Structure formats: C-alpha cells, structure tokens
Amino acid sequence: MRLNADDYLLKPCEDEEMYFRVASCLEKLELKRKLKLYEDILPICCVCKKIRDDAGREQGTGEWMTVEKFIGEKAKLTITSSYCPECAKKMEEKIDKEFPDWLNSTYHILYPIISIKT
C-alpha cells in the first residue's frame, strides 16, 4: 500500500466495517508495541551470565558473549574488576575464617583491594 497505509476503506462504507478496520489497526499497533518490548529485552544466561547479542541477526540467533565483552563492544567502555562494599566484607570474612592470621602474614599482600572502612 502506498504512503505506509496499513489498511484502506472504499467509500461509502458501513459503520460495522469502519469499526472492524479501526479495531484491526489498533490491534496491529498493540502487537507492534509488544514486539518492540521483546526486542528491548537483553537475554542473559542465569548460570554463567553471558549475554546474547542479536544485533544484526534474527531474534534469538545471536552470539553469546561475556558481560565484559558485550559492554566493551556496545558501550565502548573498559571493564575493571573490583569489589562492592558488601562483597568486600564477605570476602574479608571468608579470608579471616580460612586464614585467621592473614594480616600478620604475607596473605594481606594477595588481597590489597580488600579494606573495609569502619
């Protein structure tokens, strides 16, 4: 159809036909909105946290890649590893449990990032 028209009516038309055509058009718009919603979902593996990149491919056939690679390619950002305060505290507790005297030995050299401010 010309000019991106979704449907057309021949004049004169009946009210029922007009209602049917408008309802059909609204249904198509709703389906397009739902489809767009699913296109905006980022598939992430619940086990390994890899991301499927469907860009430029049929939906669901993209390459699975690490979060770091995905962010590096899409956002042009460099990823660095660090600890959030909660994980740093957990790691410090784990190290204290496994190596009770780690502050008095060479172990603290292996974990220079872990420092909890109290």
PDB file of N, CA and C in Angstrom:
ATOM      1  N   MET A   1       0.831  -1.172   0.000  1.00  0.00           N
ATOM      2  CA  MET A   1       0.000   0.000   0.000  1.00  0.00           C
ATOM      3  C   MET A   1       0.877   1.238   0.000  1.00  0.00           C
ATOM      4  N   ARG A   2       0.356   2.266  -0.561  1.00  0.00           N
ATOM      5  CA  ARG A   2       1.134   3.489  -0.673  1.00  0.00           C
ATOM      6  C   ARG A   2       1.103   4.294   0.618  1.00  0.00           C
ATOM      7  N   LEU A   3       2.104   5.119   0.783  1.00  0.00           N
ATOM      8  CA  LEU A   3       2.214   6.056   1.906  1.00  0.00           C
ATOM      9  C   LEU A   3       2.144   5.365   3.269  1.00  0.00           C
ATOM     10  N   ASN A   4       2.679   4.134   3.339  1.00  0.00           N
ATOM     11  CA  ASN A   4       2.733   3.373   4.598  1.00  0.00           C
ATOM     12  C   ASN A   4       1.362   3.156   5.229  1.00  0.00           C
ATOM     13  N   ALA A   5       0.327   3.069   4.423  1.00  0.00           N
ATOM     14  CA  ALA A   5      -1.013   2.809   4.944  1.00  0.00           C
ATOM     15  C   ALA A   5      -1.120   1.355   5.372  1.00  0.00           C
ATOM     16  N   ASP A   6      -1.786   1.102   6.493  1.00  0.00           N
ATOM     17  CA  ASP A   6      -1.989  -0.258   6.975  1.00  0.00           C
ATOM     18  C   ASP A   6      -3.255  -0.882   6.405  1.00  0.00           C
ATOM     19  N   ASP A   7      -4.205  -0.081   6.028  1.00  0.00           N
ATOM     20  CA  ASP A   7      -5.481  -0.580   5.544  1.00  0.00           C
ATOM     21  C   ASP A   7      -6.150   0.518   4.723  1.00  0.00           C
ATOM     22  N   TYR A   8      -7.257   0.194   4.101  1.00  0.00           N
ATOM     23  CA  TYR A   8      -7.989   1.185   3.332  1.00  0.00           C
ATOM     24  C   TYR A   8      -9.474   0.867   3.385  1.00  0.00           C
ATOM     25  N   LEU A   9     -10.278   1.852   3.113  1.00  0.00           N
ATOM     26  CA  LEU A   9     -11.730   1.714   3.054  1.00  0.00           C
ATOM     27  C   LEU A   9     -12.219   2.249   1.719  1.00  0.00           C
ATOM     28  N   LEU A  10     -13.191   1.576   1.167  1.00  0.00           N
ATOM     29  CA  LEU A  10     -13.843   2.085  -0.026  1.00  0.00           C
ATOM     30  C   LEU A  10     -15.072   2.875   0.413  1.00  0.00           C
ATOM     31  N   LYS A  11     -15.229   4.055  -0.121  1.00  0.00           N
ATOM     32  CA  LYS A  11     -16.374   4.883   0.250  1.00  0.00           C
ATOM     33  C   LYS A  11     -17.524   4.612  -0.697  1.00  0.00           C
ATOM     34  N   PRO A  12     -18.685   4.691  -0.252  1.00  0.00           N
ATOM     35  CA  PRO A  12     -19.172   4.787   1.127  1.00  0.00           C
ATOM     36  C   PRO A  12     -18.989   3.450   1.846  1.00  0.00           C
ATOM     37  N   CYS A  13     -18.882   3.483   3.166  1.00  0.00           N
ATOM     38  CA  CYS A  13     -18.697   2.254   3.933  1.00  0.00           C
ATOM     39  C   CYS A  13     -19.697   2.190   5.074  1.00  0.00           C
ATOM     40  N   GLU A  14     -19.907   0.987   5.535  1.00  0.00           N
ATOM     41  CA  GLU A  14     -20.826   0.753   6.641  1.00  0.00           C
ATOM     42  C   GLU A  14     -20.109   1.022   7.968  1.00  0.00           C
ATOM     43  N   ASP A  15     -20.890   1.362   8.996  1.00  0.00           N
ATOM     44  CA  ASP A  15     -20.320   1.625  10.325  1.00  0.00           C
ATOM     45  C   ASP A  15     -19.586   0.404  10.876  1.00  0.00           C
ATOM     46  N   GLU A  16     -20.156  -0.795  10.646  1.00  0.00           N
ATOM     47  CA  GLU A  16     -19.534  -2.016  11.152  1.00  0.00           C
ATOM     48  C   GLU A  16     -18.168  -2.236  10.508  1.00  0.00           C
ATOM     49  N   GLU A  17     -18.086  -1.964   9.212  1.00  0.00           N
ATOM     50  CA  GLU A  17     -16.803  -2.127   8.521  1.00  0.00           C
ATOM     51  C   GLU A  17     -15.778  -1.127   9.049  1.00  0.00           C
ATOM     52  N   MET A  18     -16.208   0.108   9.271  1.00  0.00           N
ATOM     53  CA  MET A  18     -15.321   1.142   9.832  1.00  0.00           C
ATOM     54  C   MET A  18     -14.823   0.699  11.212  1.00  0.00           C
ATOM     55  N   TYR A  19     -15.734   0.213  12.050  1.00  0.00           N
ATOM     56  CA  TYR A  19     -15.363  -0.246  13.386  1.00  0.00           C
ATOM     57  C   TYR A  19     -14.360  -1.395  13.292  1.00  0.00           C
ATOM     58  N   PHE A  20     -14.636  -2.370  12.409  1.00  0.00           N
ATOM     59  CA  PHE A  20     -13.747  -3.516  12.230  1.00  0.00           C
ATOM     60  C   PHE A  20     -12.360  -3.075  11.791  1.00  0.00           C
ATOM     61  N   ARG A  21     -12.268  -2.171  10.854  1.00  0.00           N
ATOM     62  CA  ARG A  21     -10.973  -1.716  10.336  1.00  0.00           C
ATOM     63  C   ARG A  21     -10.178  -0.955  11.398  1.00  0.00           C
ATOM     64  N   VAL A  22     -10.847  -0.102  12.150  1.00  0.00           N
ATOM     65  CA  VAL A  22     -10.164   0.655  13.209  1.00  0.00           C
ATOM     66  C   VAL A  22      -9.681  -0.303  14.299  1.00  0.00           C
ATOM     67  N   ALA A  23     -10.533  -1.262  14.684  1.00  0.00           N
ATOM     68  CA  ALA A  23     -10.138  -2.239  15.707  1.00  0.00           C
ATOM     69  C   ALA A  23      -8.950  -3.063  15.227  1.00  0.00           C
ATOM     70  N   SER A  24      -8.972  -3.447  13.961  1.00  0.00           N
ATOM     71  CA  SER A  24      -7.865  -4.197  13.388  1.00  0.00           C
ATOM     72  C   SER A  24      -6.570  -3.388  13.409  1.00  0.00           C
ATOM     73  N   CYS A  25      -6.661  -2.123  13.074  1.00  0.00           N
ATOM     74  CA  CYS A  25      -5.490  -1.240  13.090  1.00  0.00           C
ATOM     75  C   CYS A  25      -4.937  -1.088  14.509  1.00  0.00           C
ATOM     76  N   LEU A  26      -5.826  -0.906  15.481  1.00  0.00           N
ATOM     77  CA  LEU A  26      -5.379  -0.772  16.877  1.00  0.00           C
ATOM     78  C   LEU A  26      -4.726  -2.068  17.374  1.00  0.00           C
ATOM     79  N   GLU A  27      -5.260  -3.201  16.945  1.00  0.00           N
ATOM     80  CA  GLU A  27      -4.665  -4.482  17.322  1.00  0.00           C
ATOM     81  C   GLU A  27      -3.254  -4.620  16.744  1.00  0.00           C
ATOM     82  N   LYS A  28      -3.078  -4.208  15.503  1.00  0.00           N
ATOM     83  CA  LYS A  28      -1.750  -4.257  14.879  1.00  0.00           C
ATOM     84  C   LYS A  28      -0.772  -3.348  15.618  1.00  0.00           C
ATOM     85  N   LEU A  29      -1.233  -2.166  16.002  1.00  0.00           N
ATOM     86  CA  LEU A  29      -0.367  -1.243  16.747  1.00  0.00           C
ATOM     87  C   LEU A  29       0.050  -1.845  18.085  1.00  0.00           C
ATOM     88  N   GLU A  30      -0.877  -2.506  18.766  1.00  0.00           N
ATOM     89  CA  GLU A  30      -0.571  -3.134  20.047  1.00  0.00           C
ATOM     90  C   GLU A  30       0.437  -4.270  19.868  1.00  0.00           C
ATOM     91  N   LEU A  31       0.274  -5.060  18.816  1.00  0.00           N
ATOM     92  CA  LEU A  31       1.223  -6.143  18.550  1.00  0.00           C
ATOM     93  C   LEU A  31       2.610  -5.594  18.220  1.00  0.00           C
ATOM     94  N   LYS A  32       2.673  -4.492  17.481  1.00  0.00           N
ATOM     95  CA  LYS A  32       3.968  -3.866  17.181  1.00  0.00           C
ATOM     96  C   LYS A  32       4.623  -3.364  18.464  1.00  0.00           C
ATOM     97  N   ARG A  33       3.813  -2.802  19.370  1.00  0.00           N
ATOM     98  CA  ARG A  33       4.343  -2.313  20.647  1.00  0.00           C
ATOM     99  C   ARG A  33       4.899  -3.472  21.470  1.00  0.00           C
ATOM    100  N   LYS A  34       4.168  -4.588  21.512  1.00  0.00           N
ATOM    101  CA  LYS A  34       4.640  -5.758  22.259  1.00  0.00           C
ATOM    102  C   LYS A  34       5.904  -6.325  21.642  1.00  0.00           C
ATOM    103  N   LEU A  35       5.956  -6.379  20.327  1.00  0.00           N
ATOM    104  CA  LEU A  35       7.151  -6.878  19.646  1.00  0.00           C
ATOM    105  C   LEU A  35       8.352  -6.000  19.970  1.00  0.00           C
ATOM    106  N   LYS A  36       8.162  -4.699  19.959  1.00  0.00           N
ATOM    107  CA  LYS A  36       9.245  -3.758  20.297  1.00  0.00           C
ATOM    108  C   LYS A  36       9.703  -3.982  21.737  1.00  0.00           C
ATOM    109  N   LEU A  37       8.763  -4.256  22.631  1.00  0.00           N
ATOM    110  CA  LEU A  37       9.104  -4.523  24.032  1.00  0.00           C
ATOM    111  C   LEU A  37      10.026  -5.730  24.135  1.00  0.00           C
ATOM    112  N   TYR A  38       9.717  -6.805  23.403  1.00  0.00           N
ATOM    113  CA  TYR A  38      10.562  -8.005  23.449  1.00  0.00           C
ATOM    114  C   TYR A  38      11.901  -7.785  22.766  1.00  0.00           C
ATOM    115  N   GLU A  39      11.963  -6.896  21.806  1.00  0.00           N
ATOM    116  CA  GLU A  39      13.237  -6.598  21.168  1.00  0.00           C
ATOM    117  C   GLU A  39      14.157  -5.845  22.122  1.00  0.00           C
ATOM    118  N   ASP A  40      13.581  -5.142  23.092  1.00  0.00           N
ATOM    119  CA  ASP A  40      14.374  -4.363  24.043  1.00  0.00           C
ATOM    120  C   ASP A  40      14.846  -5.184  25.248  1.00  0.00           C
ATOM    121  N   ILE A  41      14.474  -6.442  25.309  1.00  0.00           N
ATOM    122  CA  ILE A  41      14.902  -7.299  26.416  1.00  0.00           C
ATOM    123  C   ILE A  41      16.292  -7.848  26.108  1.00  0.00           C
ATOM    124  N   LEU A  42      17.166  -7.784  27.082  1.00  0.00           N
ATOM    125  CA  LEU A  42      18.534  -8.279  26.920  1.00  0.00           C
ATOM    126  C   LEU A  42      18.624  -9.681  27.527  1.00  0.00           C
ATOM    127  N   PRO A  43      18.797 -10.724  26.688  1.00  0.00           N
ATOM    128  CA  PRO A  43      18.862 -12.085  27.213  1.00  0.00           C
ATOM    129  C   PRO A  43      20.192 -12.358  27.913  1.00  0.00           C
ATOM    130  N   ILE A  44      20.117 -12.755  29.188  1.00  0.00           N
ATOM    131  CA  ILE A  44      21.302 -13.072  29.985  1.00  0.00           C
ATOM    132  C   ILE A  44      21.134 -14.479  30.540  1.00  0.00           C
ATOM    133  N   CYS A  45      22.164 -15.306  30.395  1.00  0.00           N
ATOM    134  CA  CYS A  45      22.143 -16.665  30.932  1.00  0.00           C
ATOM    135  C   CYS A  45      22.083 -16.592  32.459  1.00  0.00           C
ATOM    136  N   CYS A  46      21.171 -17.354  33.053  1.00  0.00           N
ATOM    137  CA  CYS A  46      21.019 -17.310  34.505  1.00  0.00           C
ATOM    138  C   CYS A  46      22.119 -18.079  35.234  1.00  0.00           C
ATOM    139  N   VAL A  47      22.941 -18.838  34.507  1.00  0.00           N
ATOM    140  CA  VAL A  47      24.012 -19.595  35.142  1.00  0.00           C
ATOM    141  C   VAL A  47      25.355 -18.881  34.994  1.00  0.00           C
ATOM    142  N   CYS A  48      25.763 -18.640  33.744  1.00  0.00           N
ATOM    143  CA  CYS A  48      27.101 -18.081  33.518  1.00  0.00           C
ATOM    144  C   CYS A  48      27.085 -16.571  33.278  1.00  0.00           C
ATOM    145  N   LYS A  49      25.910 -15.966  33.174  1.00  0.00           N
ATOM    146  CA  LYS A  49      25.730 -14.518  32.992  1.00  0.00           C
ATOM    147  C   LYS A  49      26.227 -14.003  31.647  1.00  0.00           C
ATOM    148  N   LYS A  50      26.345 -14.894  30.645  1.00  0.00           N
ATOM    149  CA  LYS A  50      26.686 -14.424  29.305  1.00  0.00           C
ATOM    150  C   LYS A  50      25.464 -13.753  28.692  1.00  0.00           C
ATOM    151  N   ILE A  51      25.712 -12.848  27.753  1.00  0.00           N
ATOM    152  CA  ILE A  51      24.656 -12.088  27.103  1.00  0.00           C
ATOM    153  C   ILE A  51      24.577 -12.502  25.642  1.00  0.00           C
ATOM    154  N   ARG A  52      23.332 -12.648  25.142  1.00  0.00           N
ATOM    155  CA  ARG A  52      23.153 -12.959  23.723  1.00  0.00           C
ATOM    156  C   ARG A  52      22.959 -11.658  22.960  1.00  0.00           C
ATOM    157  N   ASP A  53      23.827 -11.425  21.992  1.00  0.00           N
ATOM    158  CA  ASP A  53      23.772 -10.211  21.176  1.00  0.00           C
ATOM    159  C   ASP A  53      23.097 -10.541  19.849  1.00  0.00           C
ATOM    160  N   ASP A  54      21.844 -10.112  19.691  1.00  0.00           N
ATOM    161  CA  ASP A  54      21.082 -10.375  18.477  1.00  0.00           C
ATOM    162  C   ASP A  54      21.195  -9.248  17.461  1.00  0.00           C
ATOM    163  N   ALA A  55      22.042  -8.279  17.698  1.00  0.00           N
ATOM    164  CA  ALA A  55      22.157  -7.127  16.795  1.00  0.00           C
ATOM    165  C   ALA A  55      22.537  -7.593  15.390  1.00  0.00           C
ATOM    166  N   GLY A  56      21.748  -7.191  14.422  1.00  0.00           N
ATOM    167  CA  GLY A  56      22.020  -7.522  13.033  1.00  0.00           C
ATOM    168  C   GLY A  56      21.695  -8.953  12.654  1.00  0.00           C
ATOM    169  N   ARG A  57      21.024  -9.681  13.540  1.00  0.00           N
ATOM    170  CA  ARG A  57      20.676 -11.078  13.274  1.00  0.00           C
ATOM    171  C   ARG A  57      19.204 -11.298  13.592  1.00  0.00           C
ATOM    172  N   GLU A  58      18.718 -12.448  13.182  1.00  0.00           N
ATOM    173  CA  GLU A  58      17.347 -12.814  13.523  1.00  0.00           C
ATOM    174  C   GLU A  58      17.251 -12.986  15.032  1.00  0.00           C
ATOM    175  N   GLN A  59      16.144 -12.538  15.609  1.00  0.00           N
ATOM    176  CA  GLN A  59      15.948 -12.591  17.054  1.00  0.00           C
ATOM    177  C   GLN A  59      16.166 -14.015  17.559  1.00  0.00           C
ATOM    178  N   GLY A  60      17.036 -14.177  18.565  1.00  0.00           N
ATOM    179  CA  GLY A  60      17.291 -15.473  19.181  1.00  0.00           C
ATOM    180  C   GLY A  60      18.449 -16.253  18.588  1.00  0.00           C
ATOM    181  N   THR A  61      19.143 -15.696  17.600  1.00  0.00           N
ATOM    182  CA  THR A  61      20.237 -16.432  16.962  1.00  0.00           C
ATOM    183  C   THR A  61      21.596 -15.775  17.171  1.00  0.00           C
ATOM    184  N   GLY A  62      21.649 -14.782  18.034  1.00  0.00           N
ATOM    185  CA  GLY A  62      22.885 -14.037  18.229  1.00  0.00           C
ATOM    186  C   GLY A  62      23.962 -14.807  18.969  1.00  0.00           C
ATOM    187  N   GLU A  63      25.126 -14.211  19.008  1.00  0.00           N
ATOM    188  CA  GLU A  63      26.296 -14.793  19.669  1.00  0.00           C
ATOM    189  C   GLU A  63      26.216 -14.558  21.177  1.00  0.00           C
ATOM    190  N   TRP A  64      26.559 -15.591  21.952  1.00  0.00           N
ATOM    191  CA  TRP A  64      26.631 -15.456  23.408  1.00  0.00           C
ATOM    192  C   TRP A  64      28.027 -14.968  23.763  1.00  0.00           C
ATOM    193  N   MET A  65      28.099 -13.923  24.579  1.00  0.00           N
ATOM    194  CA  MET A  65      29.391 -13.357  24.955  1.00  0.00           C
ATOM    195  C   MET A  65      29.367 -12.919  26.414  1.00  0.00           C
ATOM    196  N   THR A  66      30.550 -12.738  26.960  1.00  0.00           N
ATOM    197  CA  THR A  66      30.648 -12.309  28.357  1.00  0.00           C
ATOM    198  C   THR A  66      30.125 -10.884  28.512  1.00  0.00           C
ATOM    199  N   VAL A  67      29.746 -10.550  29.726  1.00  0.00           N
ATOM    200  CA  VAL A  67      29.255  -9.202  30.012  1.00  0.00           C
ATOM    201  C   VAL A  67      30.332  -8.179  29.674  1.00  0.00           C
ATOM    202  N   GLU A  68      31.573  -8.493  30.010  1.00  0.00           N
ATOM    203  CA  GLU A  68      32.670  -7.567  29.758  1.00  0.00           C
ATOM    204  C   GLU A  68      32.835  -7.286  28.264  1.00  0.00           C
ATOM    205  N   LYS A  69      32.776  -8.335  27.464  1.00  0.00           N
ATOM    206  CA  LYS A  69      32.917  -8.173  26.011  1.00  0.00           C
ATOM    207  C   LYS A  69      31.736  -7.368  25.445  1.00  0.00           C
ATOM    208  N   PHE A  70      30.527  -7.694  25.916  1.00  0.00           N
ATOM    209  CA  PHE A  70      29.335  -7.002  25.437  1.00  0.00           C
ATOM    210  C   PHE A  70      29.400  -5.505  25.736  1.00  0.00           C
ATOM    211  N   ILE A  71      29.730  -5.157  26.967  1.00  0.00           N
ATOM    212  CA  ILE A  71      29.815  -3.745  27.347  1.00  0.00           C
ATOM    213  C   ILE A  71      30.950  -3.061  26.611  1.00  0.00           C
ATOM    214  N   GLY A  72      32.057  -3.759  26.458  1.00  0.00           N
ATOM    215  CA  GLY A  72      33.190  -3.195  25.728  1.00  0.00           C
ATOM    216  C   GLY A  72      32.843  -2.885  24.287  1.00  0.00           C
ATOM    217  N   GLU A  73      32.118  -3.800  23.628  1.00  0.00           N
ATOM    218  CA  GLU A  73      31.763  -3.595  22.223  1.00  0.00           C
ATOM    219  C   GLU A  73      30.634  -2.584  22.049  1.00  0.00           C
ATOM    220  N   LYS A  74      29.610  -2.665  22.876  1.00  0.00           N
ATOM    221  CA  LYS A  74      28.424  -1.821  22.697  1.00  0.00           C
ATOM    222  C   LYS A  74      28.594  -0.421  23.267  1.00  0.00           C
ATOM    223  N   ALA A  75      29.164  -0.323  24.454  1.00  0.00           N
ATOM    224  CA  ALA A  75      29.276   0.979  25.112  1.00  0.00           C
ATOM    225  C   ALA A  75      30.674   1.578  24.991  1.00  0.00           C
ATOM    226  N   LYS A  76      31.595   0.824  24.391  1.00  0.00           N
ATOM    227  CA  LYS A  76      32.981   1.292  24.233  1.00  0.00           C
ATOM    228  C   LYS A  76      33.583   1.677  25.581  1.00  0.00           C
ATOM    229  N   LEU A  77      33.301   0.831  26.594  1.00  0.00           N
ATOM    230  CA  LEU A  77      33.838   1.058  27.936  1.00  0.00           C
ATOM    231  C   LEU A  77      34.831  -0.035  28.277  1.00  0.00           C
ATOM    232  N   THR A  78      35.804   0.294  29.086  1.00  0.00           N
ATOM    233  CA  THR A  78      36.761  -0.688  29.578  1.00  0.00           C
ATOM    234  C   THR A  78      36.288  -1.157  30.943  1.00  0.00           C
ATOM    235  N   ILE A  79      36.288  -2.462  31.118  1.00  0.00           N
ATOM    236  CA  ILE A  79      35.805  -3.053  32.366  1.00  0.00           C
ATOM    237  C   ILE A  79      36.995  -3.311  33.280  1.00  0.00           C
ATOM    238  N   THR A  80      36.804  -3.009  34.551  1.00  0.00           N
ATOM    239  CA  THR A  80      37.803  -3.321  35.554  1.00  0.00           C
ATOM    240  C   THR A  80      37.132  -4.095  36.676  1.00  0.00           C
ATOM    241  N   SER A  81      37.847  -4.999  37.296  1.00  0.00           N
ATOM    242  CA  SER A  81      37.281  -5.797  38.378  1.00  0.00           C
ATOM    243  C   SER A  81      37.523  -5.104  39.702  1.00  0.00           C
ATOM    244  N   SER A  82      36.537  -5.185  40.539  1.00  0.00           N
ATOM    245  CA  SER A  82      36.628  -4.572  41.853  1.00  0.00           C
ATOM    246  C   SER A  82      35.630  -5.277  42.768  1.00  0.00           C
ATOM    247  N   TYR A  83      35.566  -4.879  44.003  1.00  0.00           N
ATOM    248  CA  TYR A  83      34.606  -5.400  44.961  1.00  0.00           C
ATOM    249  C   TYR A  83      33.656  -4.290  45.369  1.00  0.00           C
ATOM    250  N   CYS A  84      32.362  -4.613  45.421  1.00  0.00           N
ATOM    251  CA  CYS A  84      31.415  -3.682  46.035  1.00  0.00           C
ATOM    252  C   CYS A  84      31.603  -3.826  47.550  1.00  0.00           C
ATOM    253  N   PRO A  85      31.129  -2.884  48.344  1.00  0.00           N
ATOM    254  CA  PRO A  85      31.341  -2.966  49.796  1.00  0.00           C
ATOM    255  C   PRO A  85      30.817  -4.264  50.426  1.00  0.00           C
ATOM    256  N   GLU A  86      29.652  -4.754  49.973  1.00  0.00           N
ATOM    257  CA  GLU A  86      29.091  -5.981  50.548  1.00  0.00           C
ATOM    258  C   GLU A  86      29.971  -7.192  50.234  1.00  0.00           C
ATOM    259  N   CYS A  87      30.390  -7.298  48.965  1.00  0.00           N
ATOM    260  CA  CYS A  87      31.237  -8.432  48.577  1.00  0.00           C
ATOM    261  C   CYS A  87      32.619  -8.340  49.216  1.00  0.00           C
ATOM    262  N   ALA A  88      33.137  -7.141  49.359  1.00  0.00           N
ATOM    263  CA  ALA A  88      34.441  -6.971  50.007  1.00  0.00           C
ATOM    264  C   ALA A  88      34.370  -7.438  51.453  1.00  0.00           C
ATOM    265  N   LYS A  89      33.274  -7.100  52.122  1.00  0.00           N
ATOM    266  CA  LYS A  89      33.105  -7.530  53.507  1.00  0.00           C
ATOM    267  C   LYS A  89      33.000  -9.052  53.587  1.00  0.00           C
ATOM    268  N   LYS A  90      32.218  -9.655  52.681  1.00  0.00           N
ATOM    269  CA  LYS A  90      32.094 -11.117  52.655  1.00  0.00           C
ATOM    270  C   LYS A  90      33.442 -11.778  52.385  1.00  0.00           C
ATOM    271  N   MET A  91      34.188 -11.226  51.439  1.00  0.00           N
ATOM    272  CA  MET A  91      35.494 -11.798  51.099  1.00  0.00           C
ATOM    273  C   MET A  91      36.454 -11.676  52.276  1.00  0.00           C
ATOM    274  N   GLU A  92      36.415 -10.529  52.937  1.00  0.00           N
ATOM    275  CA  GLU A  92      37.289 -10.347  54.090  1.00  0.00           C
ATOM    276  C   GLU A  92      36.930 -11.338  55.200  1.00  0.00           C
ATOM    277  N   GLU A  93      35.628 -11.555  55.422  1.00  0.00           N
ATOM    278  CA  GLU A  93      35.200 -12.526  56.437  1.00  0.00           C
ATOM    279  C   GLU A  93      35.636 -13.936  56.057  1.00  0.00           C
ATOM    280  N   LYS A  94      35.512 -14.265  54.773  1.00  0.00           N
ATOM    281  CA  LYS A  94      35.928 -15.587  54.293  1.00  0.00           C
ATOM    282  C   LYS A  94      37.432 -15.782  54.498  1.00  0.00           C
ATOM    283  N   ILE A  95      38.203 -14.766  54.166  1.00  0.00           N
ATOM    284  CA  ILE A  95      39.658 -14.853  54.326  1.00  0.00           C
ATOM    285  C   ILE A  95      40.015 -14.942  55.803  1.00  0.00           C
ATOM    286  N   ASP A  96      39.331 -14.161  56.657  1.00  0.00           N
ATOM    287  CA  ASP A  96      39.582 -14.223  58.093  1.00  0.00           C
ATOM    288  C   ASP A  96      39.294 -15.617  58.636  1.00  0.00           C
ATOM    289  N   LYS A  97      38.249 -16.270  58.092  1.00  0.00           N
ATOM    290  CA  LYS A  97      37.902 -17.622  58.535  1.00  0.00           C
ATOM    291  C   LYS A  97      38.951 -18.634  58.084  1.00  0.00           C
ATOM    292  N   GLU A  98      39.321 -18.550  56.814  1.00  0.00           N
ATOM    293  CA  GLU A  98      40.256 -19.528  56.256  1.00  0.00           C
ATOM    294  C   GLU A  98      41.693 -19.280  56.702  1.00  0.00           C
ATOM    295  N   PHE A  99      42.057 -18.031  56.881  1.00  0.00           N
ATOM    296  CA  PHE A  99      43.418 -17.653  57.266  1.00  0.00           C
ATOM    297  C   PHE A  99      43.337 -16.664  58.426  1.00  0.00           C
ATOM    298  N   PRO A 100      43.157 -17.157  59.647  1.00  0.00           N
ATOM    299  CA  PRO A 100      42.945 -16.267  60.798  1.00  0.00           C
ATOM    300  C   PRO A 100      44.072 -15.259  61.027  1.00  0.00           C
ATOM    301  N   ASP A 101      45.268 -15.591  60.648  1.00  0.00           N
ATOM    302  CA  ASP A 101      46.385 -14.684  60.900  1.00  0.00           C
ATOM    303  C   ASP A 101      46.869 -14.012  59.612  1.00  0.00           C
ATOM    304  N   TRP A 102      45.984 -13.783  58.664  1.00  0.00           N
ATOM    305  CA  TRP A 102      46.407 -13.272  57.352  1.00  0.00           C
ATOM    306  C   TRP A 102      46.950 -11.858  57.425  1.00  0.00           C
ATOM    307  N   LEU A 103      46.519 -11.059  58.371  1.00  0.00           N
ATOM    308  CA  LEU A 103      47.068  -9.710  58.489  1.00  0.00           C
ATOM    309  C   LEU A 103      48.492  -9.733  59.038  1.00  0.00           C
ATOM    310  N   ASN A 104      48.832 -10.792  59.749  1.00  0.00           N
ATOM    311  CA  ASN A 104      50.167 -10.905  60.317  1.00  0.00           C
ATOM    312  C   ASN A 104      51.098 -11.742  59.447  1.00  0.00           C
ATOM    313  N   SER A 105      50.673 -12.040  58.240  1.00  0.00           N
ATOM    314  CA  SER A 105      51.494 -12.861  57.357  1.00  0.00           C
ATOM    315  C   SER A 105      51.566 -12.201  55.981  1.00  0.00           C
ATOM    316  N   THR A 106      51.972 -12.986  55.005  1.00  0.00           N
ATOM    317  CA  THR A 106      52.105 -12.455  53.645  1.00  0.00           C
ATOM    318  C   THR A 106      50.787 -12.479  52.880  1.00  0.00           C
ATOM    319  N   TYR A 107      49.724 -13.051  53.441  1.00  0.00           N
ATOM    320  CA  TYR A 107      48.449 -13.130  52.722  1.00  0.00           C
ATOM    321  C   TYR A 107      47.865 -11.763  52.400  1.00  0.00           C
ATOM    322  N   HIS A 108      48.096 -10.799  53.256  1.00  0.00           N
ATOM    323  CA  HIS A 108      47.495  -9.491  53.003  1.00  0.00           C
ATOM    324  C   HIS A 108      48.046  -8.842  51.732  1.00  0.00           C
ATOM    325  N   ILE A 109      49.180  -9.289  51.269  1.00  0.00           N
ATOM    326  CA  ILE A 109      49.729  -8.773  50.010  1.00  0.00           C
ATOM    327  C   ILE A 109      48.896  -9.263  48.827  1.00  0.00           C
ATOM    328  N   LEU A 110      48.295 -10.454  48.958  1.00  0.00           N
ATOM    329  CA  LEU A 110      47.491 -11.011  47.880  1.00  0.00           C
ATOM    330  C   LEU A 110      46.132 -10.311  47.731  1.00  0.00           C
ATOM    331  N   TYR A 111      45.675  -9.661  48.766  1.00  0.00           N
ATOM    332  CA  TYR A 111      44.355  -9.032  48.751  1.00  0.00           C
ATOM    333  C   TYR A 111      44.437  -7.559  49.111  1.00  0.00           C
ATOM    334  N   PRO A 112      45.139  -6.764  48.329  1.00  0.00           N
ATOM    335  CA  PRO A 112      45.281  -5.354  48.702  1.00  0.00           C
ATOM    336  C   PRO A 112      44.005  -4.554  48.508  1.00  0.00           C
ATOM    337  N   ILE A 113      43.069  -5.042  47.697  1.00  0.00           N
ATOM    338  CA  ILE A 113      41.842  -4.295  47.439  1.00  0.00           C
ATOM    339  C   ILE A 113      40.921  -4.326  48.665  1.00  0.00           C
ATOM    340  N   ILE A 114      40.969  -5.406  49.398  1.00  0.00           N
ATOM    341  CA  ILE A 114      40.008  -5.594  50.489  1.00  0.00           C
ATOM    342  C   ILE A 114      40.405  -4.734  51.678  1.00  0.00           C
ATOM    343  N   SER A 115      39.653  -3.705  51.865  1.00  0.00           N
ATOM    344  CA  SER A 115      39.831  -2.891  53.064  1.00  0.00           C
ATOM    345  C   SER A 115      38.484  -2.287  53.389  1.00  0.00           C
ATOM    346  N   ILE A 116      38.001  -2.584  54.544  1.00  0.00           N
ATOM    347  CA  ILE A 116      36.696  -2.133  54.979  1.00  0.00           C
ATOM    348  C   ILE A 116      36.898  -0.950  55.923  1.00  0.00           C
ATOM    349  N   LYS A 117      36.283   0.161  55.557  1.00  0.00           N
ATOM    350  CA  LYS A 117      36.349   1.326  56.429  1.00  0.00           C
ATOM    351  C   LYS A 117      35.224   1.241  57.430  1.00  0.00           C
ATOM    352  N   THR A 118      35.561   1.354  58.691  1.00  0.00           N
ATOM    353  CA  THR A 118      34.528   1.284  59.734  1.00  0.00           C
ATOM    354  C   THR A 118      34.470   2.585  60.483  1.00  0.00           C
TER     355      THR A 118
END
